[in-house]
Amino acid sequence: MQRQLDAMEADQRPWLRVITQIREPISITEWSGTKSITVPLRFNIENFGKSPAVNVRAYTTITRYLGVEHRKALAGLQRDTCEKGSAESDQDPIGGIPLFPSKTDKIEITPSILGDGIFRDAKPVMLAVYGCIDYTYSATKHGQTGFRFLLGRREGVYFSGFNFVEGQSVQYDSPIPDDLLKEGFPKNPPKVAKIPLDELIFRPEDSGNYAK
């Protein structure tokens, strides 16, 4: 009986297909002694299930990718990101978007990785981008579509990492008030370098891409 009920629920629930893309050039930024990489992401989402998905949200983390030996650790990090996302969603049940059967929508976010010594030596930095699209159905149940990608730079036919690139100063929109400067706000504006999309490789990792 329980198996029959589970099968009926699986047949009637929402299921979300997600296509993950980088929507514009990524940025390497240096500001006040801290270096960071910013990755503008777009999630194209389709509900091919039979009921609405509500409170649909994207949760993403970016870390250094340390090779295939890092894969097991990435599984735990991705799980932590998505579990924290589910808990956050429960605290704000109307904060995400709804998605009805056979409909599509998109979510755009711009996560960053900063500090953490991402350019602590001359070695190129390869990145892991992971997380999930979290949603609810049947009032309190959660569904998730997970994603895990590797992000690097194209070097001919090879997949390489990012070296630090010193960018151009991006001037502040208006002068910084003296009181903020006294509190430690950086006097010098950030330097930003853009890495064009055609120089990037953004590919799914061998695991971490799931629907549940």
N, C-alpha and C. Protein backbone atom coordinates (compact mmCIF):
# COMPACT_ATOMS: atom_id res chain seq x y z
N MET A 1 0.83 -1.20 0.00
CA MET A 1 0.00 0.00 0.00
C MET A 1 0.87 1.26 0.00
N GLN A 2 1.92 1.27 0.85
CA GLN A 2 2.79 2.45 0.91
C GLN A 2 3.50 2.65 -0.42
N ARG A 3 3.93 1.56 -1.05
CA ARG A 3 4.60 1.69 -2.35
C ARG A 3 3.65 2.27 -3.39
N GLN A 4 2.38 1.85 -3.32
CA GLN A 4 1.40 2.39 -4.26
C GLN A 4 1.19 3.89 -4.04
N LEU A 5 1.11 4.29 -2.76
CA LEU A 5 0.94 5.71 -2.45
C LEU A 5 2.14 6.53 -2.90
N ASP A 6 3.35 5.98 -2.69
CA ASP A 6 4.56 6.68 -3.12
C ASP A 6 4.58 6.83 -4.64
N ALA A 7 4.17 5.78 -5.35
CA ALA A 7 4.16 5.83 -6.80
C ALA A 7 3.14 6.86 -7.30
N MET A 8 1.98 6.92 -6.65
CA MET A 8 0.96 7.90 -7.05
C MET A 8 1.46 9.32 -6.81
N GLU A 9 2.12 9.54 -5.68
CA GLU A 9 2.63 10.87 -5.39
C GLU A 9 3.71 11.27 -6.39
N ALA A 10 4.61 10.35 -6.71
CA ALA A 10 5.67 10.65 -7.66
C ALA A 10 5.09 10.98 -9.04
N ASP A 11 3.99 10.35 -9.39
CA ASP A 11 3.36 10.59 -10.68
C ASP A 11 2.70 11.95 -10.75
N GLN A 12 2.19 12.45 -9.61
CA GLN A 12 1.40 13.67 -9.60
C GLN A 12 2.19 14.91 -9.15
N ARG A 13 3.37 14.74 -8.63
CA ARG A 13 4.13 15.86 -8.07
C ARG A 13 4.80 16.68 -9.17
N PRO A 14 5.35 17.87 -8.85
CA PRO A 14 6.15 18.61 -9.83
C PRO A 14 7.54 18.01 -9.97
N TRP A 15 8.11 18.12 -11.15
CA TRP A 15 9.50 17.76 -11.42
C TRP A 15 10.09 18.89 -12.24
N LEU A 16 11.21 19.44 -11.80
CA LEU A 16 11.80 20.59 -12.47
C LEU A 16 13.05 20.22 -13.25
N ARG A 17 13.04 20.56 -14.53
CA ARG A 17 14.24 20.45 -15.37
C ARG A 17 14.95 21.79 -15.34
N VAL A 18 16.26 21.78 -15.16
CA VAL A 18 17.04 23.02 -15.03
C VAL A 18 18.21 23.00 -16.00
N ILE A 19 18.32 24.07 -16.77
CA ILE A 19 19.49 24.28 -17.63
C ILE A 19 20.28 25.44 -17.03
N THR A 20 21.51 25.16 -16.65
CA THR A 20 22.36 26.14 -15.97
C THR A 20 23.34 26.75 -16.96
N GLN A 21 23.40 28.08 -17.00
CA GLN A 21 24.25 28.78 -17.95
C GLN A 21 24.97 29.94 -17.26
N ILE A 22 26.12 30.31 -17.81
CA ILE A 22 26.74 31.59 -17.46
C ILE A 22 26.20 32.62 -18.43
N ARG A 23 25.59 33.66 -17.92
CA ARG A 23 24.84 34.56 -18.79
C ARG A 23 25.66 35.71 -19.36
N GLU A 24 26.81 36.02 -18.77
CA GLU A 24 27.65 37.11 -19.26
C GLU A 24 29.07 36.90 -18.75
N PRO A 25 30.04 37.68 -19.22
CA PRO A 25 31.43 37.46 -18.79
C PRO A 25 31.57 37.45 -17.27
N ILE A 26 32.48 36.60 -16.78
CA ILE A 26 32.74 36.59 -15.36
C ILE A 26 33.75 37.70 -15.04
N SER A 27 33.83 38.07 -13.76
CA SER A 27 34.68 39.18 -13.33
C SER A 27 35.72 38.70 -12.33
N ILE A 28 36.95 39.15 -12.51
CA ILE A 28 38.00 38.99 -11.51
C ILE A 28 38.25 40.38 -10.92
N THR A 29 38.03 40.51 -9.62
CA THR A 29 38.05 41.82 -8.96
C THR A 29 39.11 41.86 -7.87
N GLU A 30 39.78 42.98 -7.78
CA GLU A 30 40.70 43.25 -6.66
C GLU A 30 40.27 44.55 -6.02
N TRP A 31 39.95 44.47 -4.73
CA TRP A 31 39.45 45.66 -4.02
C TRP A 31 39.92 45.61 -2.59
N SER A 32 40.64 46.63 -2.20
CA SER A 32 41.11 46.75 -0.83
C SER A 32 41.90 45.52 -0.38
N GLY A 33 42.73 45.01 -1.29
CA GLY A 33 43.58 43.89 -0.95
C GLY A 33 42.94 42.52 -1.05
N THR A 34 41.66 42.45 -1.40
CA THR A 34 40.94 41.18 -1.53
C THR A 34 40.63 40.90 -2.99
N LYS A 35 40.88 39.68 -3.42
CA LYS A 35 40.61 39.27 -4.79
C LYS A 35 39.41 38.34 -4.82
N SER A 36 38.61 38.45 -5.86
CA SER A 36 37.39 37.63 -5.95
C SER A 36 37.08 37.32 -7.40
N ILE A 37 36.26 36.29 -7.59
CA ILE A 37 35.73 35.93 -8.91
C ILE A 37 34.21 35.92 -8.80
N THR A 38 33.54 36.60 -9.70
CA THR A 38 32.08 36.67 -9.72
C THR A 38 31.55 35.99 -10.97
N VAL A 39 30.55 35.13 -10.79
CA VAL A 39 30.03 34.31 -11.89
C VAL A 39 28.54 34.58 -12.06
N PRO A 40 28.12 35.31 -13.10
CA PRO A 40 26.69 35.57 -13.33
C PRO A 40 26.02 34.32 -13.91
N LEU A 41 25.06 33.77 -13.18
CA LEU A 41 24.40 32.53 -13.58
C LEU A 41 22.95 32.76 -13.95
N ARG A 42 22.48 31.95 -14.89
CA ARG A 42 21.06 31.92 -15.24
C ARG A 42 20.59 30.47 -15.18
N PHE A 43 19.47 30.24 -14.50
CA PHE A 43 18.85 28.92 -14.44
C PHE A 43 17.53 28.97 -15.20
N ASN A 44 17.48 28.28 -16.34
CA ASN A 44 16.23 28.15 -17.10
C ASN A 44 15.51 26.92 -16.58
N ILE A 45 14.29 27.12 -16.08
CA ILE A 45 13.59 26.08 -15.34
C ILE A 45 12.27 25.74 -16.02
N GLU A 46 11.98 24.45 -16.12
CA GLU A 46 10.72 23.97 -16.68
C GLU A 46 10.10 22.95 -15.73
N ASN A 47 8.82 23.10 -15.47
CA ASN A 47 8.08 22.13 -14.66
C ASN A 47 7.41 21.15 -15.61
N PHE A 48 7.94 19.91 -15.68
CA PHE A 48 7.31 18.90 -16.53
C PHE A 48 6.54 17.88 -15.69
N GLY A 49 6.24 18.26 -14.43
CA GLY A 49 5.40 17.44 -13.58
C GLY A 49 3.93 17.78 -13.76
N LYS A 50 3.09 17.32 -12.82
CA LYS A 50 1.64 17.46 -12.96
C LYS A 50 1.02 18.36 -11.90
N SER A 51 1.83 19.03 -11.09
CA SER A 51 1.30 19.95 -10.09
C SER A 51 2.27 21.11 -9.93
N PRO A 52 1.81 22.22 -9.34
CA PRO A 52 2.69 23.39 -9.22
C PRO A 52 3.84 23.16 -8.25
N ALA A 53 4.98 23.76 -8.59
CA ALA A 53 6.10 23.88 -7.66
C ALA A 53 6.05 25.30 -7.10
N VAL A 54 6.15 25.44 -5.79
CA VAL A 54 6.07 26.77 -5.17
C VAL A 54 7.37 27.07 -4.42
N ASN A 55 7.57 28.36 -4.17
CA ASN A 55 8.75 28.83 -3.45
C ASN A 55 10.04 28.29 -4.11
N VAL A 56 10.10 28.43 -5.43
CA VAL A 56 11.25 27.93 -6.19
C VAL A 56 12.42 28.90 -6.00
N ARG A 57 13.56 28.37 -5.56
CA ARG A 57 14.72 29.21 -5.27
C ARG A 57 16.00 28.52 -5.76
N ALA A 58 17.03 29.32 -6.00
CA ALA A 58 18.34 28.79 -6.37
C ALA A 58 19.32 29.02 -5.23
N TYR A 59 20.05 27.97 -4.89
CA TYR A 59 21.10 28.06 -3.86
C TYR A 59 22.40 27.57 -4.48
N THR A 60 23.42 28.41 -4.43
CA THR A 60 24.67 28.12 -5.13
C THR A 60 25.87 28.47 -4.27
N THR A 61 26.91 27.65 -4.39
CA THR A 61 28.20 27.92 -3.75
C THR A 61 29.30 27.73 -4.79
N ILE A 62 30.36 28.52 -4.68
CA ILE A 62 31.53 28.37 -5.54
C ILE A 62 32.75 28.12 -4.66
N THR A 63 33.52 27.08 -4.97
CA THR A 63 34.76 26.80 -4.26
C THR A 63 35.85 26.46 -5.26
N ARG A 64 37.09 26.41 -4.78
CA ARG A 64 38.19 25.92 -5.61
C ARG A 64 37.96 24.45 -5.91
N TYR A 65 38.29 24.04 -7.11
CA TYR A 65 38.23 22.62 -7.47
C TYR A 65 39.64 22.05 -7.38
N LEU A 66 39.79 21.03 -6.55
CA LEU A 66 41.12 20.50 -6.25
C LEU A 66 41.38 19.17 -6.92
N GLY A 67 40.60 18.82 -7.93
CA GLY A 67 40.83 17.59 -8.67
C GLY A 67 39.86 16.49 -8.29
N VAL A 68 39.99 15.34 -8.96
CA VAL A 68 39.04 14.26 -8.76
C VAL A 68 39.04 13.76 -7.32
N GLU A 69 40.17 13.91 -6.62
CA GLU A 69 40.21 13.46 -5.23
C GLU A 69 39.33 14.34 -4.33
N HIS A 70 38.91 15.47 -4.86
CA HIS A 70 38.06 16.41 -4.12
C HIS A 70 36.58 16.09 -4.29
N ARG A 71 36.26 15.12 -5.13
CA ARG A 71 34.87 14.87 -5.50
C ARG A 71 34.01 14.46 -4.30
N LYS A 72 34.56 13.61 -3.44
CA LYS A 72 33.78 13.17 -2.27
C LYS A 72 33.49 14.35 -1.35
N ALA A 73 34.45 15.22 -1.17
CA ALA A 73 34.23 16.41 -0.34
C ALA A 73 33.19 17.32 -0.97
N LEU A 74 33.20 17.44 -2.31
CA LEU A 74 32.20 18.27 -2.98
C LEU A 74 30.79 17.77 -2.75
N ALA A 75 30.61 16.45 -2.68
CA ALA A 75 29.28 15.89 -2.43
C ALA A 75 28.75 16.38 -1.09
N GLY A 76 29.60 16.39 -0.07
CA GLY A 76 29.17 16.88 1.24
C GLY A 76 28.91 18.37 1.24
N LEU A 77 29.74 19.13 0.54
CA LEU A 77 29.54 20.58 0.47
C LEU A 77 28.25 20.93 -0.26
N GLN A 78 27.97 20.20 -1.34
CA GLN A 78 26.72 20.44 -2.06
C GLN A 78 25.52 20.08 -1.20
N ARG A 79 25.60 18.96 -0.49
CA ARG A 79 24.51 18.57 0.41
C ARG A 79 24.27 19.64 1.47
N ASP A 80 25.34 20.19 2.04
CA ASP A 80 25.19 21.25 3.06
C ASP A 80 24.50 22.48 2.48
N THR A 81 24.92 22.88 1.27
CA THR A 81 24.31 24.04 0.63
C THR A 81 22.81 23.85 0.45
N CYS A 82 22.42 22.66 -0.01
CA CYS A 82 21.00 22.42 -0.31
C CYS A 82 20.17 22.22 0.95
N GLU A 83 20.75 21.60 1.97
CA GLU A 83 20.01 21.45 3.23
C GLU A 83 19.79 22.80 3.90
N LYS A 84 20.80 23.66 3.87
CA LYS A 84 20.63 25.00 4.41
C LYS A 84 19.59 25.78 3.59
N GLY A 85 19.59 25.56 2.27
CA GLY A 85 18.61 26.22 1.42
C GLY A 85 17.19 25.80 1.76
N SER A 86 16.97 24.51 1.97
CA SER A 86 15.64 24.02 2.33
C SER A 86 15.18 24.64 3.65
N ALA A 87 16.10 24.70 4.62
CA ALA A 87 15.74 25.28 5.91
C ALA A 87 15.40 26.76 5.77
N GLU A 88 16.16 27.47 4.93
CA GLU A 88 15.87 28.89 4.69
C GLU A 88 14.52 29.06 4.01
N SER A 89 14.22 28.19 3.05
CA SER A 89 12.93 28.27 2.36
C SER A 89 11.77 28.08 3.32
N ASP A 90 11.94 27.16 4.27
CA ASP A 90 10.87 26.91 5.24
C ASP A 90 10.58 28.14 6.10
N GLN A 91 11.60 28.98 6.31
CA GLN A 91 11.41 30.19 7.10
C GLN A 91 10.69 31.29 6.32
N ASP A 92 10.65 31.16 5.01
CA ASP A 92 10.02 32.18 4.16
C ASP A 92 9.27 31.48 3.03
N PRO A 93 8.11 30.91 3.32
CA PRO A 93 7.43 30.03 2.34
C PRO A 93 6.88 30.73 1.10
N ILE A 94 6.89 32.07 1.06
CA ILE A 94 6.38 32.76 -0.13
C ILE A 94 7.47 33.62 -0.77
N GLY A 95 8.73 33.35 -0.46
CA GLY A 95 9.80 34.19 -0.96
C GLY A 95 10.27 33.85 -2.36
N GLY A 96 10.05 32.60 -2.80
CA GLY A 96 10.50 32.20 -4.13
C GLY A 96 9.44 32.44 -5.18
N ILE A 97 9.63 31.84 -6.35
CA ILE A 97 8.67 31.99 -7.45
C ILE A 97 7.85 30.71 -7.58
N PRO A 98 6.61 30.81 -8.09
CA PRO A 98 5.83 29.61 -8.40
C PRO A 98 6.07 29.18 -9.84
N LEU A 99 5.91 27.90 -10.09
CA LEU A 99 6.05 27.40 -11.45
C LEU A 99 5.01 26.32 -11.69
N PHE A 100 4.08 26.60 -12.60
CA PHE A 100 2.97 25.69 -12.85
C PHE A 100 3.36 24.64 -13.90
N PRO A 101 2.61 23.55 -13.96
CA PRO A 101 2.94 22.48 -14.92
C PRO A 101 3.05 23.00 -16.36
N SER A 102 4.06 22.49 -17.07
CA SER A 102 4.33 22.83 -18.47
C SER A 102 4.78 24.27 -18.68
N LYS A 103 5.05 25.00 -17.61
CA LYS A 103 5.51 26.39 -17.72
C LYS A 103 7.01 26.48 -17.49
N THR A 104 7.59 27.58 -17.98
CA THR A 104 9.02 27.83 -17.81
C THR A 104 9.24 29.18 -17.15
N ASP A 105 10.38 29.33 -16.53
CA ASP A 105 10.76 30.60 -15.92
C ASP A 105 12.28 30.58 -15.78
N LYS A 106 12.83 31.64 -15.23
CA LYS A 106 14.27 31.68 -15.03
C LYS A 106 14.59 32.39 -13.72
N ILE A 107 15.73 32.03 -13.16
CA ILE A 107 16.27 32.70 -11.98
C ILE A 107 17.69 33.11 -12.32
N GLU A 108 18.03 34.36 -12.02
CA GLU A 108 19.37 34.86 -12.27
C GLU A 108 20.00 35.29 -10.94
N ILE A 109 21.20 34.78 -10.66
CA ILE A 109 21.93 35.16 -9.47
C ILE A 109 23.39 35.36 -9.86
N THR A 110 24.15 36.01 -8.97
CA THR A 110 25.55 36.30 -9.27
C THR A 110 26.41 35.97 -8.04
N PRO A 111 26.69 34.70 -7.82
CA PRO A 111 27.52 34.33 -6.67
C PRO A 111 28.99 34.65 -6.92
N SER A 112 29.75 34.78 -5.82
CA SER A 112 31.17 35.08 -5.89
C SER A 112 31.95 34.13 -4.99
N ILE A 113 33.22 33.99 -5.28
CA ILE A 113 34.17 33.38 -4.37
C ILE A 113 35.23 34.45 -4.09
N LEU A 114 35.44 34.77 -2.83
CA LEU A 114 36.39 35.81 -2.49
C LEU A 114 37.24 35.37 -1.31
N GLY A 115 38.38 36.03 -1.17
CA GLY A 115 39.29 35.64 -0.11
C GLY A 115 39.73 34.20 -0.33
N ASP A 116 39.83 33.47 0.75
CA ASP A 116 40.12 32.03 0.70
C ASP A 116 41.39 31.72 -0.08
N GLY A 117 42.22 32.77 -0.28
CA GLY A 117 43.47 32.55 -0.98
C GLY A 117 43.31 32.02 -2.39
N ILE A 118 42.26 32.47 -3.13
CA ILE A 118 42.02 31.88 -4.44
C ILE A 118 43.15 32.14 -5.41
N PHE A 119 43.93 33.21 -5.18
CA PHE A 119 45.10 33.47 -6.01
C PHE A 119 46.34 33.53 -5.12
N ARG A 120 46.46 32.57 -4.24
CA ARG A 120 47.54 32.61 -3.26
C ARG A 120 48.90 32.22 -3.84
N ASP A 121 48.91 31.65 -5.04
CA ASP A 121 50.18 31.32 -5.69
C ASP A 121 50.00 31.49 -7.19
N ALA A 122 50.98 31.09 -7.94
CA ALA A 122 50.94 31.30 -9.39
C ALA A 122 50.14 30.24 -10.12
N LYS A 123 49.64 29.24 -9.39
CA LYS A 123 48.92 28.16 -10.05
C LYS A 123 47.53 28.62 -10.50
N PRO A 124 47.09 28.19 -11.68
CA PRO A 124 45.74 28.54 -12.12
C PRO A 124 44.68 27.97 -11.18
N VAL A 125 43.58 28.69 -11.04
CA VAL A 125 42.49 28.31 -10.15
C VAL A 125 41.34 27.75 -10.97
N MET A 126 40.97 26.51 -10.71
CA MET A 126 39.78 25.92 -11.32
C MET A 126 38.66 25.94 -10.27
N LEU A 127 37.43 26.15 -10.71
CA LEU A 127 36.33 26.35 -9.78
C LEU A 127 35.28 25.24 -9.89
N ALA A 128 34.65 24.94 -8.76
CA ALA A 128 33.47 24.08 -8.72
C ALA A 128 32.27 24.96 -8.38
N VAL A 129 31.24 24.88 -9.20
CA VAL A 129 30.00 25.64 -8.99
C VAL A 129 28.90 24.61 -8.73
N TYR A 130 28.28 24.67 -7.56
CA TYR A 130 27.33 23.61 -7.20
C TYR A 130 26.20 24.15 -6.33
N GLY A 131 25.16 23.36 -6.23
CA GLY A 131 24.01 23.74 -5.42
C GLY A 131 22.77 23.04 -5.94
N CYS A 132 21.62 23.71 -5.82
CA CYS A 132 20.36 23.10 -6.28
C CYS A 132 19.29 24.15 -6.45
N ILE A 133 18.30 23.80 -7.23
CA ILE A 133 17.03 24.51 -7.27
C ILE A 133 16.12 23.78 -6.29
N ASP A 134 15.68 24.49 -5.27
CA ASP A 134 14.83 23.91 -4.22
C ASP A 134 13.40 24.42 -4.38
N TYR A 135 12.42 23.56 -4.15
CA TYR A 135 11.03 23.97 -4.26
C TYR A 135 10.18 23.11 -3.32
N THR A 136 8.97 23.53 -3.08
CA THR A 136 8.07 22.77 -2.22
C THR A 136 6.80 22.39 -2.98
N TYR A 137 6.14 21.35 -2.48
CA TYR A 137 4.87 20.87 -3.02
C TYR A 137 4.16 20.13 -1.91
N SER A 138 2.89 19.86 -2.09
CA SER A 138 2.08 19.20 -1.05
C SER A 138 2.28 19.90 0.29
N ALA A 139 2.33 21.22 0.26
CA ALA A 139 2.40 22.08 1.45
C ALA A 139 3.78 22.12 2.07
N THR A 140 4.36 20.97 2.41
CA THR A 140 5.62 20.99 3.17
C THR A 140 6.74 20.14 2.58
N LYS A 141 6.48 19.40 1.52
CA LYS A 141 7.51 18.53 0.99
C LYS A 141 8.43 19.30 0.04
N HIS A 142 9.71 18.93 0.08
CA HIS A 142 10.70 19.60 -0.76
C HIS A 142 11.10 18.72 -1.94
N GLY A 143 11.24 19.34 -3.09
CA GLY A 143 11.88 18.72 -4.24
C GLY A 143 13.14 19.51 -4.56
N GLN A 144 14.08 18.87 -5.19
CA GLN A 144 15.32 19.55 -5.56
C GLN A 144 15.82 19.03 -6.91
N THR A 145 16.40 19.95 -7.67
CA THR A 145 17.17 19.58 -8.85
C THR A 145 18.58 20.11 -8.63
N GLY A 146 19.53 19.19 -8.47
CA GLY A 146 20.89 19.58 -8.15
C GLY A 146 21.74 19.81 -9.38
N PHE A 147 22.78 20.60 -9.22
CA PHE A 147 23.73 20.85 -10.31
C PHE A 147 25.13 20.97 -9.71
N ARG A 148 26.10 20.49 -10.47
CA ARG A 148 27.51 20.62 -10.09
C ARG A 148 28.32 20.74 -11.37
N PHE A 149 29.01 21.88 -11.51
CA PHE A 149 29.75 22.18 -12.73
C PHE A 149 31.20 22.51 -12.39
N LEU A 150 32.06 22.27 -13.36
CA LEU A 150 33.43 22.73 -13.30
C LEU A 150 33.56 23.95 -14.21
N LEU A 151 34.26 24.97 -13.71
CA LEU A 151 34.44 26.20 -14.46
C LEU A 151 35.93 26.49 -14.61
N GLY A 152 36.35 26.62 -15.84
CA GLY A 152 37.75 26.93 -16.11
C GLY A 152 37.87 27.76 -17.37
N ARG A 153 39.11 27.92 -17.79
CA ARG A 153 39.39 28.76 -18.96
C ARG A 153 39.89 27.89 -20.10
N ARG A 154 39.53 28.24 -21.30
CA ARG A 154 39.93 27.51 -22.49
C ARG A 154 41.35 27.92 -22.89
N GLU A 155 42.23 26.92 -22.96
CA GLU A 155 43.60 27.15 -23.42
C GLU A 155 43.82 26.27 -24.65
N GLY A 156 43.45 26.77 -25.82
CA GLY A 156 43.48 25.97 -27.04
C GLY A 156 42.44 24.87 -26.93
N VAL A 157 42.90 23.61 -26.95
CA VAL A 157 41.97 22.49 -26.80
C VAL A 157 41.96 21.97 -25.36
N TYR A 158 42.65 22.68 -24.45
CA TYR A 158 42.78 22.19 -23.08
C TYR A 158 41.89 22.97 -22.13
N PHE A 159 41.61 22.32 -20.99
CA PHE A 159 40.79 22.89 -19.93
C PHE A 159 41.74 23.31 -18.82
N SER A 160 41.85 24.61 -18.59
CA SER A 160 42.79 25.13 -17.61
C SER A 160 42.04 25.95 -16.57
N GLY A 161 42.79 26.46 -15.60
CA GLY A 161 42.19 27.30 -14.57
C GLY A 161 42.42 28.78 -14.87
N PHE A 162 42.06 29.61 -13.89
CA PHE A 162 42.18 31.05 -14.04
C PHE A 162 43.45 31.54 -13.35
N ASN A 163 44.22 32.34 -14.05
CA ASN A 163 45.28 33.11 -13.42
C ASN A 163 44.73 34.49 -13.08
N PHE A 164 45.32 35.11 -12.08
CA PHE A 164 44.87 36.45 -11.73
C PHE A 164 45.15 37.42 -12.88
N VAL A 165 44.17 38.24 -13.20
CA VAL A 165 44.29 39.26 -14.23
C VAL A 165 43.99 40.61 -13.58
N GLU A 166 44.93 41.53 -13.67
CA GLU A 166 44.69 42.86 -13.09
C GLU A 166 43.81 43.65 -14.05
N GLY A 167 42.69 44.14 -13.52
CA GLY A 167 41.73 44.84 -14.35
C GLY A 167 41.88 46.35 -14.32
N GLN A 168 40.87 47.00 -14.84
CA GLN A 168 40.82 48.46 -14.87
C GLN A 168 40.01 48.97 -13.69
N SER A 169 40.38 50.15 -13.20
CA SER A 169 39.65 50.75 -12.09
C SER A 169 38.23 51.10 -12.51
N VAL A 170 37.28 50.76 -11.67
CA VAL A 170 35.88 51.12 -11.89
C VAL A 170 35.54 52.21 -10.87
N GLN A 171 35.40 53.42 -11.34
CA GLN A 171 35.24 54.55 -10.43
C GLN A 171 33.91 54.48 -9.68
N TYR A 172 33.94 54.97 -8.45
CA TYR A 172 32.71 55.06 -7.67
C TYR A 172 31.73 56.00 -8.36
N ASP A 173 30.44 55.73 -8.18
CA ASP A 173 29.42 56.58 -8.79
C ASP A 173 29.44 58.00 -8.23
N SER A 174 29.83 58.14 -6.98
CA SER A 174 29.90 59.45 -6.33
C SER A 174 31.01 59.42 -5.29
N PRO A 175 31.51 60.58 -4.90
CA PRO A 175 32.58 60.61 -3.89
C PRO A 175 32.15 59.93 -2.58
N ILE A 176 33.10 59.25 -1.95
CA ILE A 176 32.80 58.57 -0.70
C ILE A 176 32.86 59.59 0.43
N PRO A 177 31.80 59.69 1.25
CA PRO A 177 31.80 60.66 2.37
C PRO A 177 32.97 60.42 3.32
N ASP A 178 33.46 61.51 3.89
CA ASP A 178 34.61 61.43 4.79
C ASP A 178 34.36 60.52 5.97
N ASP A 179 33.13 60.52 6.49
CA ASP A 179 32.87 59.70 7.68
C ASP A 179 33.00 58.21 7.35
N LEU A 180 32.61 57.81 6.13
CA LEU A 180 32.79 56.42 5.73
C LEU A 180 34.26 56.07 5.54
N LEU A 181 35.01 57.01 4.98
CA LEU A 181 36.45 56.77 4.80
C LEU A 181 37.13 56.60 6.15
N LYS A 182 36.71 57.39 7.14
CA LYS A 182 37.29 57.27 8.47
C LYS A 182 36.96 55.93 9.11
N GLU A 183 35.80 55.36 8.71
CA GLU A 183 35.41 54.06 9.24
C GLU A 183 36.09 52.90 8.53
N GLY A 184 36.88 53.21 7.50
CA GLY A 184 37.63 52.16 6.82
C GLY A 184 37.15 51.82 5.43
N PHE A 185 36.15 52.53 4.89
CA PHE A 185 35.71 52.25 3.52
C PHE A 185 36.87 52.53 2.57
N PRO A 186 37.15 51.60 1.62
CA PRO A 186 38.33 51.77 0.75
C PRO A 186 38.28 53.07 -0.05
N LYS A 187 39.39 53.80 0.00
CA LYS A 187 39.48 55.04 -0.76
C LYS A 187 39.59 54.76 -2.25
N ASN A 188 40.35 53.72 -2.60
CA ASN A 188 40.56 53.40 -4.01
C ASN A 188 39.46 52.46 -4.51
N PRO A 189 38.91 52.73 -5.67
CA PRO A 189 37.84 51.87 -6.21
C PRO A 189 38.39 50.51 -6.65
N PRO A 190 37.51 49.55 -6.88
CA PRO A 190 37.97 48.22 -7.30
C PRO A 190 38.53 48.22 -8.71
N LYS A 191 39.41 47.24 -8.97
CA LYS A 191 39.88 46.97 -10.32
C LYS A 191 39.19 45.69 -10.79
N VAL A 192 38.61 45.74 -11.99
CA VAL A 192 37.82 44.62 -12.49
C VAL A 192 38.31 44.22 -13.87
N ALA A 193 38.54 42.91 -14.04
CA ALA A 193 38.87 42.34 -15.34
C ALA A 193 37.76 41.39 -15.76
N LYS A 194 37.37 41.44 -17.01
CA LYS A 194 36.30 40.59 -17.53
C LYS A 194 36.88 39.43 -18.35
N ILE A 195 36.36 38.23 -18.12
CA ILE A 195 36.75 37.06 -18.91
C ILE A 195 35.59 36.72 -19.84
N PRO A 196 35.75 36.89 -21.15
CA PRO A 196 34.64 36.68 -22.09
C PRO A 196 34.12 35.25 -22.06
N LEU A 197 32.86 35.09 -22.44
CA LEU A 197 32.23 33.77 -22.44
C LEU A 197 32.95 32.79 -23.35
N ASP A 198 33.46 33.26 -24.48
CA ASP A 198 34.08 32.32 -25.42
C ASP A 198 35.44 31.81 -24.93
N GLU A 199 35.94 32.36 -23.82
CA GLU A 199 37.18 31.87 -23.23
C GLU A 199 36.92 30.90 -22.08
N LEU A 200 35.65 30.64 -21.77
CA LEU A 200 35.30 29.82 -20.62
C LEU A 200 34.90 28.41 -21.03
N ILE A 201 35.13 27.48 -20.13
CA ILE A 201 34.56 26.13 -20.23
C ILE A 201 33.76 25.89 -18.96
N PHE A 202 32.50 25.58 -19.15
CA PHE A 202 31.56 25.37 -18.03
C PHE A 202 30.87 24.05 -18.30
N ARG A 203 31.31 22.99 -17.61
CA ARG A 203 30.83 21.67 -17.96
C ARG A 203 30.34 20.92 -16.72
N PRO A 204 29.34 20.05 -16.87
CA PRO A 204 28.83 19.28 -15.72
C PRO A 204 29.90 18.37 -15.13
N GLU A 205 29.93 18.29 -13.81
CA GLU A 205 30.80 17.34 -13.14
C GLU A 205 30.20 15.96 -13.25
N ASP A 206 30.97 14.94 -12.96
CA ASP A 206 30.51 13.56 -13.16
C ASP A 206 29.38 13.18 -12.22
N SER A 207 29.24 13.87 -11.11
CA SER A 207 28.16 13.58 -10.17
C SER A 207 27.60 14.90 -9.64
N GLY A 208 26.54 14.80 -8.84
CA GLY A 208 25.95 16.01 -8.26
C GLY A 208 24.84 16.63 -9.06
N ASN A 209 24.53 16.06 -10.24
CA ASN A 209 23.42 16.56 -11.06
C ASN A 209 22.27 15.56 -10.92
N TYR A 210 21.24 15.95 -10.20
CA TYR A 210 20.20 14.99 -9.80
C TYR A 210 18.84 15.68 -9.72
N ALA A 211 17.80 14.88 -9.62
CA ALA A 211 16.45 15.36 -9.35
C ALA A 211 15.86 14.45 -8.29
N LYS A 212 15.28 15.06 -7.25
CA LYS A 212 14.67 14.26 -6.20
C LYS A 212 13.52 15.02 -5.58
